Structure formats: C-alpha cells, structure tokens
Amino acid sequence: PMAPHITEELWHITGHTGSIHTTSWPIYDEEMTQDETFTLVIQVNGKVRERIEVPATISENEARSVALDNPKVASFVGDNTIQKIIYIPGRLVNIVVRNS
C-alpha cells in the first residue's frame, strides 16, 4: 500500500516534524465550518437579476438596502411600485413590483 508512505512524505514536505502516525487527531471546531460570506441572490418578480457576495451576518434590513441600492436591480424596478420585499435569510431577496 502506497498511502501510508505518501502521507508520511507529504507530512514532512509541509514542514511537520515527527511521524504522522504518532500525532493526535485534530479537534473539531464549529467556528472553522462557518462561512464568513455568502452569495445573496436578488430577484425582481421572481427572476434572478443579480448575485452579490455579502457578509454572513447581514441583517434583513441591510440585505434589503443592498438589494435596492444596486444599480442593476434599480433599473429593473424603475418607477414601478414595490408591493412586497421577501427576504430568505442566507439565500435571497425577492422584490415584488407592480407595473405603474
């Protein structure tokens, strides 16, 4: 079997000392699995109009502001009346408009 030998070589190439077989297993850290950002999908009347990278800690009001301040989205909204803004945390903002 080559795997144990290759892993030992890779262990030393990456700067570790000693044998990989004598080291302890890593400890799980919940914080390391959390993303710092996500892609917020912005829809107008259910059609995707923009995708923006935003912090994972963004609030609903901040997400709405980001969506409405985006020039590309603003061009689709135009002078139409906004009926409703639907926010799904960590996923999307859907702006429902009625034609004027």
Protein backbone atom coordinates (compact mmCIF):
# COMPACT_ATOMS: atom_id res chain seq x y z
CA PRO A 1 0.00 0.00 0.00
CA MET A 2 1.33 3.40 -1.02
CA ALA A 3 -1.00 5.65 1.01
CA PRO A 4 0.83 5.42 4.36
CA HIS A 5 4.17 6.13 2.71
CA ILE A 6 2.89 9.04 0.62
CA THR A 7 1.15 10.65 3.60
CA GLU A 8 4.33 10.39 5.65
CA GLU A 9 6.31 12.12 2.88
CA LEU A 10 3.67 14.84 2.46
CA TRP A 11 3.67 15.38 6.23
CA HIS A 12 7.41 16.11 6.19
CA ILE A 13 7.25 18.21 2.99
CA THR A 14 4.66 20.50 4.63
CA GLY A 15 7.13 21.23 7.44
CA HIS A 16 5.94 18.96 10.23
CA THR A 17 8.37 17.03 12.38
CA GLY A 18 7.98 13.51 13.68
CA SER A 19 5.76 10.84 12.21
CA ILE A 20 2.20 11.49 11.11
CA HIS A 21 1.27 8.16 12.70
CA THR A 22 2.15 9.38 16.20
CA THR A 23 0.26 12.67 16.05
CA SER A 24 -3.18 13.07 17.59
CA TRP A 25 -6.35 13.56 15.58
CA PRO A 26 -7.44 17.17 15.04
CA ILE A 27 -10.15 18.58 17.30
CA TYR A 28 -13.42 19.67 15.65
CA ASP A 29 -14.01 23.42 15.81
CA GLU A 30 -17.52 24.63 14.91
CA GLU A 31 -16.26 28.13 14.07
CA MET A 32 -13.99 26.78 11.36
CA THR A 33 -17.01 25.38 9.48
CA GLN A 34 -18.91 28.69 9.34
CA ASP A 35 -18.67 30.73 6.15
CA GLU A 36 -17.86 34.42 6.53
CA THR A 37 -19.76 35.41 3.38
CA PHE A 38 -22.45 34.04 1.10
CA THR A 39 -23.92 34.90 -2.28
CA LEU A 40 -27.14 36.87 -1.90
CA VAL A 41 -29.43 36.30 -4.87
CA ILE A 42 -31.57 39.30 -5.75
CA GLN A 43 -34.77 38.71 -7.69
CA VAL A 44 -37.31 41.08 -9.18
CA ASN A 45 -40.72 39.44 -9.59
CA GLY A 46 -39.14 36.02 -9.11
CA LYS A 47 -36.47 36.40 -11.80
CA VAL A 48 -32.81 36.48 -10.80
CA ARG A 49 -31.37 39.89 -11.61
CA GLU A 50 -28.16 39.99 -9.55
CA ARG A 51 -25.90 37.98 -7.26
CA ILE A 52 -23.84 39.79 -4.62
CA GLU A 53 -21.29 38.49 -2.11
CA VAL A 54 -22.32 39.73 1.37
CA PRO A 55 -21.24 39.03 4.98
CA ALA A 56 -22.92 36.02 6.60
CA THR A 57 -24.00 38.26 9.49
CA ILE A 58 -26.09 40.59 7.29
CA SER A 59 -29.45 41.59 8.75
CA GLU A 60 -32.74 41.68 6.87
CA ASN A 61 -32.74 45.49 6.69
CA GLU A 62 -29.15 45.54 5.41
CA ALA A 63 -29.97 42.91 2.77
CA ARG A 64 -32.97 44.95 1.61
CA SER A 65 -30.83 48.09 1.39
CA VAL A 66 -28.10 46.31 -0.56
CA ALA A 67 -30.70 44.98 -2.98
CA LEU A 68 -32.50 48.28 -3.51
CA ASP A 69 -29.26 50.30 -3.81
CA ASN A 70 -27.87 48.04 -6.53
CA PRO A 71 -27.94 49.91 -9.87
CA LYS A 72 -28.72 46.80 -11.92
CA VAL A 73 -31.69 45.93 -9.69
CA ALA A 74 -32.84 49.56 -9.64
CA SER A 75 -33.04 49.52 -13.43
CA PHE A 76 -35.49 46.59 -13.27
CA VAL A 77 -37.56 48.18 -10.52
CA GLY A 78 -37.59 51.58 -12.23
CA ASP A 79 -40.61 53.74 -11.39
CA ASN A 80 -42.76 50.71 -10.57
CA THR A 81 -44.45 50.39 -7.18
CA ILE A 82 -42.82 47.92 -4.79
CA GLN A 83 -45.58 45.72 -3.37
CA LYS A 84 -43.51 43.48 -1.17
CA ILE A 85 -39.91 42.53 -0.38
CA ILE A 86 -39.38 38.90 0.56
CA TYR A 87 -36.19 38.02 2.45
CA ILE A 88 -34.99 34.47 3.00
CA PRO A 89 -32.02 34.57 5.40
CA GLY A 90 -28.78 33.35 3.91
CA ARG A 91 -30.30 32.96 0.45
CA LEU A 92 -32.19 35.69 -1.36
CA VAL A 93 -34.16 38.92 -1.57
CA ASN A 94 -37.17 38.98 -3.90
CA ILE A 95 -38.61 42.37 -4.77
CA VAL A 96 -42.21 42.13 -5.97
CA VAL A 97 -43.24 45.14 -8.07
CA ARG A 98 -46.43 46.22 -9.79
CA ASN A 99 -46.17 47.97 -13.13
CA SER A 100 -47.17 51.62 -12.94
